[in-house]
Amino acid sequence: MPAVEQAPVLSMMDWVVVLILTALPIVNIVMLIIWAVGGSVNPNKKNYAKAALIMAAISILIWVAFLGRIVATFFGMMNHLSMGV
C-alpha cells in the first residue's frame, strides 16, 4: 500500500491572512483563483478557495436573478403609469 502524504496543518495566523486577503475587493478574487489552481498550494487552502469561488458564483447568479426581477417589475410599473391607467 503506498504511503499517503498528509498536507501540513495551516496555522491560525495562516487562516487570519487568508481571511484578510479574501476581505479585500479584487484581491480576493485574484487570490482565490491563484489558490484554487495553484500547484504548490496547501490542499486545505486549495479546497477553501474552490468552495469560496463556487459560493461566490452561486451568490452572483441569485443576485442577478433577483435584480432582473426587480428591473422587470419597475419597467412594468412605469409602462402602466405611462398609459395613464
Foldseek 3Di string as FASTA:
>chain_A
DDDDDAFDDDDPVNVVVLVVQCVDPPSNLVVLVCLCPPDPHGVVSNVVSVVVVVVVVVVVVVVVVVVVVVVVVVVVVVVVVVVVD
